[in-house]
C-alpha atoms as a PDB file:
ATOM      1  CA  UNK A   1     107.298 101.915 111.358  1.00  0.00           C
ATOM      2  CA  UNK A   2     111.058 102.494 110.974  1.00  0.00           C
ATOM      3  CA  UNK A   3     110.870 101.214 107.559  1.00  0.00           C
ATOM      4  CA  UNK A   4     107.922 103.634 106.833  1.00  0.00           C
ATOM      5  CA  UNK A   5     109.485 106.721 108.382  1.00  0.00           C
ATOM      6  CA  UNK A   6     113.139 106.453 107.433  1.00  0.00           C
ATOM      7  CA  UNK A   7     113.113 104.377 104.482  1.00  0.00           C
ATOM      8  CA  UNK A   8     116.809 103.353 105.274  1.00  0.00           C
ATOM      9  CA  UNK A   9     118.977 102.786 102.300  1.00  0.00           C
ATOM     10  CA  UNK A  10     121.961 101.861 104.534  1.00  0.00           C
ATOM     11  CA  UNK A  11     122.118 101.320 108.215  1.00  0.00           C
ATOM     12  CA  UNK A  12     125.350 101.543 110.065  1.00  0.00           C
ATOM     13  CA  UNK A  13     126.424  98.637 112.264  1.00  0.00           C
ATOM     14  CA  UNK A  14     125.334  99.813 115.737  1.00  0.00           C
ATOM     15  CA  UNK A  15     127.843 101.136 118.173  1.00  0.00           C
ATOM     16  CA  UNK A  16     127.412 100.127 121.985  1.00  0.00           C
ATOM     17  CA  UNK A  17     127.629 102.593 124.620  1.00  0.00           C
ATOM     18  CA  UNK A  18     127.722 102.709 128.315  1.00  0.00           C
ATOM     19  CA  UNK A  19     127.218 105.478 130.671  1.00  0.00           C
ATOM     20  CA  UNK A  20     128.638 105.161 134.207  1.00  0.00           C
ATOM     21  CA  UNK A  21     127.791 107.887 136.890  1.00  0.00           C
ATOM     22  CA  UNK A  22     129.031 111.097 136.035  1.00  0.00           C
ATOM     23  CA  UNK A  23     128.961 110.450 132.429  1.00  0.00           C
ATOM     24  CA  UNK A  24     126.961 112.567 129.733  1.00  0.00           C
ATOM     25  CA  UNK A  25     127.090 113.661 126.196  1.00  0.00           C
ATOM     26  CA  UNK A  26     126.551 117.401 125.554  1.00  0.00           C
ATOM     27  CA  UNK A  27     124.437 119.108 123.033  1.00  0.00           C
ATOM     28  CA  UNK A  28     125.268 118.171 119.544  1.00  0.00           C
ATOM     29  CA  UNK A  29     123.912 117.195 115.973  1.00  0.00           C
ATOM     30  CA  UNK A  30     125.448 114.153 114.676  1.00  0.00           C
ATOM     31  CA  UNK A  31     128.008 114.037 111.855  1.00  0.00           C
ATOM     32  CA  UNK A  32     126.928 114.589 108.406  1.00  0.00           C
ATOM     33  CA  UNK A  33     128.898 111.888 106.766  1.00  0.00           C
ATOM     34  CA  UNK A  34     130.772 108.768 108.256  1.00  0.00           C
ATOM     35  CA  UNK A  35     132.763 105.911 106.884  1.00  0.00           C
ATOM     36  CA  UNK A  36     130.988 102.366 107.165  1.00  0.00           C
ATOM     37  CA  UNK A  37     132.816  99.536 105.631  1.00  0.00           C
ATOM     38  CA  UNK A  38     134.963 101.734 103.601  1.00  0.00           C
ATOM     39  CA  UNK A  39     132.021 103.638 102.048  1.00  0.00           C
ATOM     40  CA  UNK A  40     130.728 106.957 102.923  1.00  0.00           C
ATOM     41  CA  UNK A  41     127.382 107.063 104.701  1.00  0.00           C
ATOM     42  CA  UNK A  42     125.212 110.228 104.780  1.00  0.00           C
ATOM     43  CA  UNK A  43     123.707 110.326 108.174  1.00  0.00           C
ATOM     44  CA  UNK A  44     120.038 111.483 107.530  1.00  0.00           C
ATOM     45  CA  UNK A  45     118.697 109.563 110.568  1.00  0.00           C
ATOM     46  CA  UNK A  46     119.927 108.886 113.999  1.00  0.00           C
ATOM     47  CA  UNK A  47     118.663 106.106 116.260  1.00  0.00           C
ATOM     48  CA  UNK A  48     119.139 105.185 120.006  1.00  0.00           C
ATOM     49  CA  UNK A  49     118.183 101.533 121.017  1.00  0.00           C
ATOM     50  CA  UNK A  50     117.670 101.212 124.962  1.00  0.00           C
ATOM     51  CA  UNK A  51     119.015  97.979 126.101  1.00  0.00           C
ATOM     52  CA  UNK A  52     118.738  98.264 129.931  1.00  0.00           C
ATOM     53  CA  UNK A  53     115.876  98.620 132.173  1.00  0.00           C
ATOM     54  CA  UNK A  54     115.187 102.230 132.878  1.00  0.00           C
ATOM     55  CA  UNK A  55     115.094 101.523 136.728  1.00  0.00           C
ATOM     56  CA  UNK A  56     118.730 100.045 136.837  1.00  0.00           C
ATOM     57  CA  UNK A  57     120.032 103.695 136.151  1.00  0.00           C
ATOM     58  CA  UNK A  58     119.485 107.328 137.287  1.00  0.00           C
ATOM     59  CA  UNK A  59     119.565 110.271 134.765  1.00  0.00           C
ATOM     60  CA  UNK A  60     120.826 109.316 131.395  1.00  0.00           C
ATOM     61  CA  UNK A  61     117.970 110.613 129.594  1.00  0.00           C
ATOM     62  CA  UNK A  62     118.288 111.098 125.640  1.00  0.00           C
ATOM     63  CA  UNK A  63     117.040 114.794 125.430  1.00  0.00           C
ATOM     64  CA  UNK A  64     115.938 115.987 122.047  1.00  0.00           C
ATOM     65  CA  UNK A  65     115.301 119.624 121.000  1.00  0.00           C
ATOM     66  CA  UNK A  66     112.202 120.023 119.167  1.00  0.00           C
ATOM     67  CA  UNK A  67     111.817 123.639 118.313  1.00  0.00           C
ATOM     68  CA  UNK A  68     112.356 125.522 121.566  1.00  0.00           C
ATOM     69  CA  UNK A  69     111.390 122.399 123.766  1.00  0.00           C
ATOM     70  CA  UNK A  70     113.503 119.527 124.998  1.00  0.00           C
ATOM     71  CA  UNK A  71     111.998 116.081 125.040  1.00  0.00           C
ATOM     72  CA  UNK A  72     113.340 113.545 127.299  1.00  0.00           C
ATOM     73  CA  UNK A  73     113.391 109.624 126.342  1.00  0.00           C
ATOM     74  CA  UNK A  74     114.363 106.884 128.901  1.00  0.00           C
ATOM     75  CA  UNK A  75     112.407 103.798 127.185  1.00  0.00           C
ATOM     76  CA  UNK A  76     112.305 100.250 128.309  1.00  0.00           C
ATOM     77  CA  UNK A  77     114.874  97.704 127.081  1.00  0.00           C
ATOM     78  CA  UNK A  78     114.212  97.283 123.302  1.00  0.00           C
ATOM     79  CA  UNK A  79     112.509 100.584 122.765  1.00  0.00           C
ATOM     80  CA  UNK A  80     114.042 103.183 120.271  1.00  0.00           C
ATOM     81  CA  UNK A  81     113.987 106.757 119.175  1.00  0.00           C
ATOM     82  CA  UNK A  82     114.766 107.733 115.566  1.00  0.00           C
ATOM     83  CA  UNK A  83     115.301 111.322 114.927  1.00  0.00           C
ATOM     84  CA  UNK A  84     116.794 113.289 111.975  1.00  0.00           C
ATOM     85  CA  UNK A  85     120.551 113.498 112.392  1.00  0.00           C
ATOM     86  CA  UNK A  86     120.531 117.357 112.202  1.00  0.00           C
ATOM     87  CA  UNK A  87     118.361 117.322 115.314  1.00  0.00           C
ATOM     88  CA  UNK A  88     120.357 118.854 118.432  1.00  0.00           C
ATOM     89  CA  UNK A  89     120.275 116.277 121.083  1.00  0.00           C
ATOM     90  CA  UNK A  90     122.162 115.184 124.240  1.00  0.00           C
ATOM     91  CA  UNK A  91     122.367 112.627 127.108  1.00  0.00           C
ATOM     92  CA  UNK A  92     121.915 114.030 130.393  1.00  0.00           C
ATOM     93  CA  UNK A  93     124.362 112.871 133.095  1.00  0.00           C
ATOM     94  CA  UNK A  94     123.908 109.475 134.703  1.00  0.00           C
ATOM     95  CA  UNK A  95     123.696 109.864 138.529  1.00  0.00           C
ATOM     96  CA  UNK A  96     123.645 106.161 139.321  1.00  0.00           C
ATOM     97  CA  UNK A  97     123.574 102.904 137.785  1.00  0.00           C
ATOM     98  CA  UNK A  98     124.837 102.084 134.273  1.00  0.00           C
ATOM     99  CA  UNK A  99     122.965 103.261 130.983  1.00  0.00           C
ATOM    100  CA  UNK A 100     123.496 100.785 127.890  1.00  0.00           C
ATOM    101  CA  UNK A 101     122.146 101.740 124.604  1.00  0.00           C
ATOM    102  CA  UNK A 102     123.057 101.070 120.951  1.00  0.00           C
ATOM    103  CA  UNK A 103     123.223 103.703 118.472  1.00  0.00           C
ATOM    104  CA  UNK A 104     123.205 103.826 114.575  1.00  0.00           C
ATOM    105  CA  UNK A 105     122.764 105.972 111.538  1.00  0.00           C
ATOM    106  CA  UNK A 106     120.792 105.598 108.654  1.00  0.00           C
ATOM    107  CA  UNK A 107     121.041 107.243 105.056  1.00  0.00           C
ATOM    108  CA  UNK A 108     117.574 107.403 103.446  1.00  0.00           C
ATOM    109  CA  UNK A 109     117.337 107.266  99.455  1.00  0.00           C
ATOM    110  CA  UNK A 110     115.218 110.661 100.161  1.00  0.00           C
ATOM    111  CA  UNK A 111     117.609 112.932 102.037  1.00  0.00           C
ATOM    112  CA  UNK A 112     115.269 115.663 102.506  1.00  0.00           C
ATOM    113  CA  UNK A 113     113.596 115.487 106.000  1.00  0.00           C
ATOM    114  CA  UNK A 114     110.410 117.334 104.820  1.00  0.00           C
ATOM    115  CA  UNK A 115     110.175 115.032 101.763  1.00  0.00           C
ATOM    116  CA  UNK A 116     110.548 111.959 103.853  1.00  0.00           C
ATOM    117  CA  UNK A 117     107.779 113.240 106.159  1.00  0.00           C
ATOM    118  CA  UNK A 118     105.537 113.925 103.133  1.00  0.00           C
ATOM    119  CA  UNK A 119     105.950 110.370 101.992  1.00  0.00           C
ATOM    120  CA  UNK A 120     105.330 109.017 105.435  1.00  0.00           C
ATOM    121  CA  UNK A 121     102.000 110.867 106.093  1.00  0.00           C
ATOM    122  CA  UNK A 122     100.622 110.191 102.606  1.00  0.00           C
ATOM    123  CA  UNK A 123     101.564 106.277 103.183  1.00  0.00           C
ATOM    124  CA  UNK A 124     100.141 106.298 106.512  1.00  0.00           C
ATOM    125  CA  UNK A 125      96.873 107.820 105.290  1.00  0.00           C
ATOM    126  CA  UNK A 126      96.834 105.205 102.593  1.00  0.00           C
ATOM    127  CA  UNK A 127      97.394 102.536 105.028  1.00  0.00           C
ATOM    128  CA  UNK A 128      94.980 103.632 107.747  1.00  0.00           C
ATOM    129  CA  UNK A 129      92.203 104.395 105.142  1.00  0.00           C
ATOM    130  CA  UNK A 130      92.770 101.473 102.742  1.00  0.00           C
ATOM    131  CA  UNK A 131      89.100  99.911 103.651  1.00  0.00           C
ATOM    132  CA  UNK A 132      87.214 103.113 103.481  1.00  0.00           C
ATOM    133  CA  UNK A 133      88.308 104.111  99.898  1.00  0.00           C
ATOM    134  CA  UNK A 134      87.774 102.637  96.797  1.00  0.00           C
ATOM    135  CA  UNK A 135      90.413 100.379  94.854  1.00  0.00           C
ATOM    136  CA  UNK A 136      91.049 103.131  92.302  1.00  0.00           C
ATOM    137  CA  UNK A 137      91.672 105.632  94.975  1.00  0.00           C
ATOM    138  CA  UNK A 138      94.147 103.098  96.942  1.00  0.00           C
ATOM    139  CA  UNK A 139      95.852 102.629  93.685  1.00  0.00           C
ATOM    140  CA  UNK A 140      96.292 106.391  92.921  1.00  0.00           C
ATOM    141  CA  UNK A 141      97.707 107.100  96.571  1.00  0.00           C
ATOM    142  CA  UNK A 142     100.190 104.211  95.805  1.00  0.00           C
ATOM    143  CA  UNK A 143     100.971 105.733  92.428  1.00  0.00           C
ATOM    144  CA  UNK A 144     101.475 109.042  93.808  1.00  0.00           C
ATOM    145  CA  UNK A 145     103.673 107.892  96.646  1.00  0.00           C
ATOM    146  CA  UNK A 146     105.794 106.033  94.229  1.00  0.00           C
ATOM    147  CA  UNK A 147     105.982 108.905  91.687  1.00  0.00           C
ATOM    148  CA  UNK A 148     107.153 111.163  94.671  1.00  0.00           C
ATOM    149  CA  UNK A 149     109.889 108.632  96.005  1.00  0.00           C
ATOM    150  CA  UNK A 150     111.327 108.236  92.432  1.00  0.00           C
ATOM    151  CA  UNK A 151     111.460 111.961  92.148  1.00  0.00           C
ATOM    152  CA  UNK A 152     112.966 112.490  95.434  1.00  0.00           C
ATOM    153  CA  UNK A 153     115.448 109.536  95.911  1.00  0.00           C
ATOM    154  CA  UNK A 154     118.963 109.697  95.339  1.00  0.00           C
END
C-alpha cells in the first residue's frame, strides 16, 4: 500500500528516535530537502514507524493536522503512518515510559500531492474492480495510469 500511495523513488535511511518522559516535538512540517548519501532528497512524504508496544508509554502520540482537525496516532509495533511532508504534525509529550519510533522520508517521482492522490485512487479502482470490468477496460485503466505517471513524473 505504501508503494501504491507514495510511489517512492528514493527512501532515506530510517532515523531511530527515543522519547523519554517530558520529551515532545512541537508542531512543524518537515524539511523540503535533505542530504542522503551525498545526494539531495526532496522529501515529498514522511513516515513514522512505531517500534514499541503502545502500552509501554503514556502520551507520545503522533498528531497530524488534517484541515482544522488534529488526528492522533499511537500504533502497535510495526504500524506506520505515511503523510505528505508538508503536513503540520507534532509528537505529543511523553508522560511515562519510552516512545521508540523510526522516521524516514521519501521522494516520489510524482512530486505533486494531488497528482499522487489521483494515481492512487485510479489504481485502487482498477485493482478492486479488476474482475468486474472487461479486459479492454482494465487495459485502458492501466494505459491511462501509465500516461499520467509519465506525464507527471520528474
